[in-house]
Amino acid sequence: MHEDDLKHVEFVVYCVETYKGIKKINGNAAYQLLKDAGAIEYIDNNYEALHTFSDESIVWNIDEFLKNRI
């Protein structure tokens, strides 16, 4: 795996873990919600911007994405 790809995968995992922690839901539920809504791909595609955000801003951004998708 290319180093940049690994960074993206690690960041997606970090975002799912952060989302589940702040939303107080289990990891499977968080992952399934984000996957079904296309948010996993969104996080990966927007790595350059999102990885500079605070945890709260990441979760807010994901919530805004979900509002427009669900």
PDB file of N, CA and C in Angstrom:
ATOM      1  N   MET A   1       0.855  -1.179   0.000  1.00  0.00           N
ATOM      2  CA  MET A   1       0.000   0.000   0.000  1.00  0.00           C
ATOM      3  C   MET A   1       0.896   1.236   0.000  1.00  0.00           C
ATOM      4  N   HIS A   2       0.547   2.189  -0.797  1.00  0.00           N
ATOM      5  CA  HIS A   2       1.279   3.451  -0.891  1.00  0.00           C
ATOM      6  C   HIS A   2       1.113   4.238   0.413  1.00  0.00           C
ATOM      7  N   GLU A   3       2.122   4.978   0.800  1.00  0.00           N
ATOM      8  CA  GLU A   3       2.107   5.718   2.062  1.00  0.00           C
ATOM      9  C   GLU A   3       0.931   6.690   2.159  1.00  0.00           C
ATOM     10  N   ASP A   4       0.595   7.375   1.071  1.00  0.00           N
ATOM     11  CA  ASP A   4      -0.544   8.302   1.088  1.00  0.00           C
ATOM     12  C   ASP A   4      -1.851   7.553   1.284  1.00  0.00           C
ATOM     13  N   ASP A   5      -1.977   6.385   0.666  1.00  0.00           N
ATOM     14  CA  ASP A   5      -3.185   5.573   0.849  1.00  0.00           C
ATOM     15  C   ASP A   5      -3.331   5.153   2.301  1.00  0.00           C
ATOM     16  N   LEU A   6      -2.234   4.767   2.922  1.00  0.00           N
ATOM     17  CA  LEU A   6      -2.257   4.364   4.319  1.00  0.00           C
ATOM     18  C   LEU A   6      -2.683   5.522   5.212  1.00  0.00           C
ATOM     19  N   LYS A   7      -2.201   6.721   4.926  1.00  0.00           N
ATOM     20  CA  LYS A   7      -2.605   7.905   5.695  1.00  0.00           C
ATOM     21  C   LYS A   7      -4.113   8.114   5.606  1.00  0.00           C
ATOM     22  N   HIS A   8      -4.655   7.931   4.410  1.00  0.00           N
ATOM     23  CA  HIS A   8      -6.098   8.113   4.223  1.00  0.00           C
ATOM     24  C   HIS A   8      -6.879   7.055   4.992  1.00  0.00           C
ATOM     25  N   VAL A   9      -6.447   5.814   4.919  1.00  0.00           N
ATOM     26  CA  VAL A   9      -7.137   4.737   5.630  1.00  0.00           C
ATOM     27  C   VAL A   9      -7.092   4.990   7.136  1.00  0.00           C
ATOM     28  N   GLU A  10      -5.925   5.341   7.639  1.00  0.00           N
ATOM     29  CA  GLU A  10      -5.797   5.632   9.064  1.00  0.00           C
ATOM     30  C   GLU A  10      -6.683   6.800   9.470  1.00  0.00           C
ATOM     31  N   PHE A  11      -6.778   7.806   8.613  1.00  0.00           N
ATOM     32  CA  PHE A  11      -7.608   8.963   8.929  1.00  0.00           C
ATOM     33  C   PHE A  11      -9.088   8.608   8.915  1.00  0.00           C
ATOM     34  N   VAL A  12      -9.502   7.789   7.966  1.00  0.00           N
ATOM     35  CA  VAL A  12     -10.903   7.355   7.932  1.00  0.00           C
ATOM     36  C   VAL A  12     -11.237   6.603   9.223  1.00  0.00           C
ATOM     37  N   VAL A  13     -10.363   5.709   9.632  1.00  0.00           N
ATOM     38  CA  VAL A  13     -10.573   4.971  10.893  1.00  0.00           C
ATOM     39  C   VAL A  13     -10.650   5.943  12.059  1.00  0.00           C
ATOM     40  N   TYR A  14      -9.741   6.903  12.083  1.00  0.00           N
ATOM     41  CA  TYR A  14      -9.748   7.915  13.139  1.00  0.00           C
ATOM     42  C   TYR A  14     -11.087   8.666  13.165  1.00  0.00           C
ATOM     43  N   CYS A  15     -11.587   9.043  12.000  1.00  0.00           N
ATOM     44  CA  CYS A  15     -12.853   9.781  11.923  1.00  0.00           C
ATOM     45  C   CYS A  15     -14.023   8.933  12.416  1.00  0.00           C
ATOM     46  N   VAL A  16     -14.058   7.666  12.035  1.00  0.00           N
ATOM     47  CA  VAL A  16     -15.128   6.770  12.507  1.00  0.00           C
ATOM     48  C   VAL A  16     -15.059   6.640  14.027  1.00  0.00           C
ATOM     49  N   GLU A  17     -13.855   6.449  14.553  1.00  0.00           N
ATOM     50  CA  GLU A  17     -13.685   6.331  16.008  1.00  0.00           C
ATOM     51  C   GLU A  17     -14.079   7.626  16.713  1.00  0.00           C
ATOM     52  N   THR A  18     -13.703   8.748  16.154  1.00  0.00           N
ATOM     53  CA  THR A  18     -14.061  10.041  16.738  1.00  0.00           C
ATOM     54  C   THR A  18     -15.572  10.242  16.695  1.00  0.00           C
ATOM     55  N   TYR A  19     -16.179   9.917  15.566  1.00  0.00           N
ATOM     56  CA  TYR A  19     -17.626  10.064  15.410  1.00  0.00           C
ATOM     57  C   TYR A  19     -18.359   9.206  16.428  1.00  0.00           C
ATOM     58  N   LYS A  20     -17.951   7.942  16.552  1.00  0.00           N
ATOM     59  CA  LYS A  20     -18.639   7.045  17.496  1.00  0.00           C
ATOM     60  C   LYS A  20     -18.473   7.529  18.928  1.00  0.00           C
ATOM     61  N   GLY A  21     -17.305   8.043  19.264  1.00  0.00           N
ATOM     62  CA  GLY A  21     -17.074   8.515  20.620  1.00  0.00           C
ATOM     63  C   GLY A  21     -17.912   9.729  20.968  1.00  0.00           C
ATOM     64  N   ILE A  22     -17.947  10.691  20.065  1.00  0.00           N
ATOM     65  CA  ILE A  22     -18.712  11.915  20.324  1.00  0.00           C
ATOM     66  C   ILE A  22     -20.216  11.632  20.295  1.00  0.00           C
ATOM     67  N   LYS A  23     -20.643  10.773  19.380  1.00  0.00           N
ATOM     68  CA  LYS A  23     -22.072  10.449  19.260  1.00  0.00           C
ATOM     69  C   LYS A  23     -22.519   9.364  20.228  1.00  0.00           C
ATOM     70  N   LYS A  24     -21.554   8.740  20.909  1.00  0.00           N
ATOM     71  CA  LYS A  24     -21.836   7.681  21.885  1.00  0.00           C
ATOM     72  C   LYS A  24     -22.628   6.525  21.272  1.00  0.00           C
ATOM     73  N   ILE A  25     -22.148   6.058  20.113  1.00  0.00           N
ATOM     74  CA  ILE A  25     -22.711   4.875  19.468  1.00  0.00           C
ATOM     75  C   ILE A  25     -21.584   3.863  19.285  1.00  0.00           C
ATOM     76  N   ASN A  26     -21.952   2.601  19.062  1.00  0.00           N
ATOM     77  CA  ASN A  26     -20.890   1.601  18.924  1.00  0.00           C
ATOM     78  C   ASN A  26     -20.220   1.722  17.559  1.00  0.00           C
ATOM     79  N   GLY A  27     -19.055   1.140  17.472  1.00  0.00           N
ATOM     80  CA  GLY A  27     -18.241   1.256  16.265  1.00  0.00           C
ATOM     81  C   GLY A  27     -18.904   0.696  15.027  1.00  0.00           C
ATOM     82  N   ASN A  28     -19.560  -0.459  15.155  1.00  0.00           N
ATOM     83  CA  ASN A  28     -20.239  -1.055  14.001  1.00  0.00           C
ATOM     84  C   ASN A  28     -21.345  -0.150  13.487  1.00  0.00           C
ATOM     85  N   ALA A  29     -22.120   0.416  14.406  1.00  0.00           N
ATOM     86  CA  ALA A  29     -23.209   1.310  14.007  1.00  0.00           C
ATOM     87  C   ALA A  29     -22.664   2.566  13.329  1.00  0.00           C
ATOM     88  N   ALA A  30     -21.593   3.115  13.883  1.00  0.00           N
ATOM     89  CA  ALA A  30     -21.000   4.320  13.294  1.00  0.00           C
ATOM     90  C   ALA A  30     -20.479   4.021  11.894  1.00  0.00           C
ATOM     91  N   TYR A  31     -19.731   2.939  11.761  1.00  0.00           N
ATOM     92  CA  TYR A  31     -19.172   2.590  10.457  1.00  0.00           C
ATOM     93  C   TYR A  31     -20.278   2.341   9.440  1.00  0.00           C
ATOM     94  N   GLN A  32     -21.297   1.580   9.823  1.00  0.00           N
ATOM     95  CA  GLN A  32     -22.369   1.251   8.883  1.00  0.00           C
ATOM     96  C   GLN A  32     -23.124   2.504   8.442  1.00  0.00           C
ATOM     97  N   LEU A  33     -23.403   3.386   9.383  1.00  0.00           N
ATOM     98  CA  LEU A  33     -24.083   4.647   9.061  1.00  0.00           C
ATOM     99  C   LEU A  33     -23.269   5.457   8.060  1.00  0.00           C
ATOM    100  N   LEU A  34     -21.986   5.621   8.348  1.00  0.00           N
ATOM    101  CA  LEU A  34     -21.128   6.427   7.480  1.00  0.00           C
ATOM    102  C   LEU A  34     -20.917   5.760   6.127  1.00  0.00           C
ATOM    103  N   LYS A  35     -20.777   4.457   6.129  1.00  0.00           N
ATOM    104  CA  LYS A  35     -20.589   3.721   4.870  1.00  0.00           C
ATOM    105  C   LYS A  35     -21.834   3.813   3.996  1.00  0.00           C
ATOM    106  N   ASP A  36     -23.000   3.541   4.580  1.00  0.00           N
ATOM    107  CA  ASP A  36     -24.249   3.555   3.817  1.00  0.00           C
ATOM    108  C   ASP A  36     -24.561   4.923   3.223  1.00  0.00           C
ATOM    109  N   ALA A  37     -24.165   5.981   3.914  1.00  0.00           N
ATOM    110  CA  ALA A  37     -24.442   7.346   3.448  1.00  0.00           C
ATOM    111  C   ALA A  37     -23.380   7.868   2.477  1.00  0.00           C
ATOM    112  N   GLY A  38     -22.302   7.113   2.296  1.00  0.00           N
ATOM    113  CA  GLY A  38     -21.232   7.572   1.417  1.00  0.00           C
ATOM    114  C   GLY A  38     -20.221   8.462   2.114  1.00  0.00           C
ATOM    115  N   ALA A  39     -20.313   8.547   3.437  1.00  0.00           N
ATOM    116  CA  ALA A  39     -19.421   9.436   4.179  1.00  0.00           C
ATOM    117  C   ALA A  39     -17.990   8.904   4.254  1.00  0.00           C
ATOM    118  N   ILE A  40     -17.807   7.602   4.193  1.00  0.00           N
ATOM    119  CA  ILE A  40     -16.453   7.051   4.201  1.00  0.00           C
ATOM    120  C   ILE A  40     -15.698   7.553   2.969  1.00  0.00           C
ATOM    121  N   GLU A  41     -16.342   7.475   1.833  1.00  0.00           N
ATOM    122  CA  GLU A  41     -15.732   7.965   0.596  1.00  0.00           C
ATOM    123  C   GLU A  41     -15.523   9.482   0.666  1.00  0.00           C
ATOM    124  N   TYR A  42     -16.498  10.190   1.231  1.00  0.00           N
ATOM    125  CA  TYR A  42     -16.389  11.638   1.395  1.00  0.00           C
ATOM    126  C   TYR A  42     -15.167  11.998   2.246  1.00  0.00           C
ATOM    127  N   ILE A  43     -14.988  11.297   3.358  1.00  0.00           N
ATOM    128  CA  ILE A  43     -13.844  11.554   4.240  1.00  0.00           C
ATOM    129  C   ILE A  43     -12.541  11.297   3.481  1.00  0.00           C
ATOM    130  N   ASP A  44     -12.475  10.177   2.795  1.00  0.00           N
ATOM    131  CA  ASP A  44     -11.271   9.834   2.043  1.00  0.00           C
ATOM    132  C   ASP A  44     -10.985  10.882   0.962  1.00  0.00           C
ATOM    133  N   ASN A  45     -11.998  11.263   0.211  1.00  0.00           N
ATOM    134  CA  ASN A  45     -11.819  12.234  -0.875  1.00  0.00           C
ATOM    135  C   ASN A  45     -11.466  13.631  -0.382  1.00  0.00           C
ATOM    136  N   ASN A  46     -11.821  13.937   0.864  1.00  0.00           N
ATOM    137  CA  ASN A  46     -11.583  15.273   1.416  1.00  0.00           C
ATOM    138  C   ASN A  46     -10.539  15.267   2.523  1.00  0.00           C
ATOM    139  N   TYR A  47      -9.683  14.284   2.482  1.00  0.00           N
ATOM    140  CA  TYR A  47      -8.622  14.140   3.483  1.00  0.00           C
ATOM    141  C   TYR A  47      -7.826  15.426   3.671  1.00  0.00           C
ATOM    142  N   GLU A  48      -7.416  16.036   2.579  1.00  0.00           N
ATOM    143  CA  GLU A  48      -6.538  17.214   2.655  1.00  0.00           C
ATOM    144  C   GLU A  48      -7.135  18.319   3.533  1.00  0.00           C
ATOM    145  N   ALA A  49      -8.414  18.556   3.428  1.00  0.00           N
ATOM    146  CA  ALA A  49      -9.054  19.589   4.250  1.00  0.00           C
ATOM    147  C   ALA A  49      -9.402  19.054   5.635  1.00  0.00           C
ATOM    148  N   LEU A  50     -10.047  17.904   5.690  1.00  0.00           N
ATOM    149  CA  LEU A  50     -10.562  17.398   6.951  1.00  0.00           C
ATOM    150  C   LEU A  50      -9.481  17.084   7.978  1.00  0.00           C
ATOM    151  N   HIS A  51      -8.320  16.649   7.539  1.00  0.00           N
ATOM    152  CA  HIS A  51      -7.315  16.260   8.524  1.00  0.00           C
ATOM    153  C   HIS A  51      -6.744  17.450   9.294  1.00  0.00           C
ATOM    154  N   THR A  52      -7.095  18.660   8.886  1.00  0.00           N
ATOM    155  CA  THR A  52      -6.650  19.850   9.610  1.00  0.00           C
ATOM    156  C   THR A  52      -7.681  20.308  10.643  1.00  0.00           C
ATOM    157  N   PHE A  53      -8.853  19.674  10.671  1.00  0.00           N
ATOM    158  CA  PHE A  53      -9.947  20.082  11.549  1.00  0.00           C
ATOM    159  C   PHE A  53      -9.802  19.487  12.950  1.00  0.00           C
ATOM    160  N   SER A  54     -10.427  20.131  13.921  1.00  0.00           N
ATOM    161  CA  SER A  54     -10.527  19.574  15.271  1.00  0.00           C
ATOM    162  C   SER A  54     -11.520  18.407  15.239  1.00  0.00           C
ATOM    163  N   ASP A  55     -11.506  17.593  16.279  1.00  0.00           N
ATOM    164  CA  ASP A  55     -12.441  16.464  16.346  1.00  0.00           C
ATOM    165  C   ASP A  55     -13.888  16.930  16.235  1.00  0.00           C
ATOM    166  N   GLU A  56     -14.223  17.987  16.954  1.00  0.00           N
ATOM    167  CA  GLU A  56     -15.592  18.499  16.925  1.00  0.00           C
ATOM    168  C   GLU A  56     -15.962  18.999  15.534  1.00  0.00           C
ATOM    169  N   SER A  57     -15.029  19.624  14.854  1.00  0.00           N
ATOM    170  CA  SER A  57     -15.286  20.113  13.500  1.00  0.00           C
ATOM    171  C   SER A  57     -15.433  18.969  12.506  1.00  0.00           C
ATOM    172  N   ILE A  58     -14.668  17.918  12.699  1.00  0.00           N
ATOM    173  CA  ILE A  58     -14.815  16.732  11.843  1.00  0.00           C
ATOM    174  C   ILE A  58     -16.207  16.160  11.999  1.00  0.00           C
ATOM    175  N   VAL A  59     -16.656  15.987  13.238  1.00  0.00           N
ATOM    176  CA  VAL A  59     -17.983  15.417  13.486  1.00  0.00           C
ATOM    177  C   VAL A  59     -19.064  16.344  12.951  1.00  0.00           C
ATOM    178  N   TRP A  60     -18.924  17.646  13.148  1.00  0.00           N
ATOM    179  CA  TRP A  60     -19.898  18.597  12.610  1.00  0.00           C
ATOM    180  C   TRP A  60     -19.960  18.477  11.099  1.00  0.00           C
ATOM    181  N   ASN A  61     -18.796  18.400  10.451  1.00  0.00           N
ATOM    182  CA  ASN A  61     -18.735  18.295   9.000  1.00  0.00           C
ATOM    183  C   ASN A  61     -19.397  17.008   8.517  1.00  0.00           C
ATOM    184  N   ILE A  62     -19.139  15.907   9.196  1.00  0.00           N
ATOM    185  CA  ILE A  62     -19.780  14.632   8.836  1.00  0.00           C
ATOM    186  C   ILE A  62     -21.283  14.740   9.020  1.00  0.00           C
ATOM    187  N   ASP A  63     -21.729  15.332  10.127  1.00  0.00           N
ATOM    188  CA  ASP A  63     -23.168  15.508  10.353  1.00  0.00           C
ATOM    189  C   ASP A  63     -23.816  16.340   9.243  1.00  0.00           C
ATOM    190  N   GLU A  64     -23.143  17.391   8.815  1.00  0.00           N
ATOM    191  CA  GLU A  64     -23.670  18.203   7.719  1.00  0.00           C
ATOM    192  C   GLU A  64     -23.750  17.388   6.430  1.00  0.00           C
ATOM    193  N   PHE A  65     -22.742  16.578   6.172  1.00  0.00           N
ATOM    194  CA  PHE A  65     -22.764  15.705   5.012  1.00  0.00           C
ATOM    195  C   PHE A  65     -23.947  14.733   5.104  1.00  0.00           C
ATOM    196  N   LEU A  66     -24.142  14.144   6.294  1.00  0.00           N
ATOM    197  CA  LEU A  66     -25.233  13.180   6.470  1.00  0.00           C
ATOM    198  C   LEU A  66     -26.602  13.835   6.299  1.00  0.00           C
ATOM    199  N   LYS A  67     -26.766  15.055   6.777  1.00  0.00           N
ATOM    200  CA  LYS A  67     -28.047  15.764   6.638  1.00  0.00           C
ATOM    201  C   LYS A  67     -28.432  15.901   5.166  1.00  0.00           C
ATOM    202  N   ASN A  68     -27.453  16.075   4.324  1.00  0.00           N
ATOM    203  CA  ASN A  68     -27.712  16.242   2.896  1.00  0.00           C
ATOM    204  C   ASN A  68     -27.880  14.926   2.164  1.00  0.00           C
ATOM    205  N   ARG A  69     -27.565  13.815   2.805  1.00  0.00           N
ATOM    206  CA  ARG A  69     -27.606  12.499   2.155  1.00  0.00           C
ATOM    207  C   ARG A  69     -28.742  11.605   2.635  1.00  0.00           C
ATOM    208  N   ILE A  70     -29.163  11.808   3.865  1.00  0.00           N
ATOM    209  CA  ILE A  70     -30.161  10.893   4.455  1.00  0.00           C
ATOM    210  C   ILE A  70     -31.534  11.533   4.415  1.00  0.00           C
TER     211      ILE A  70
END
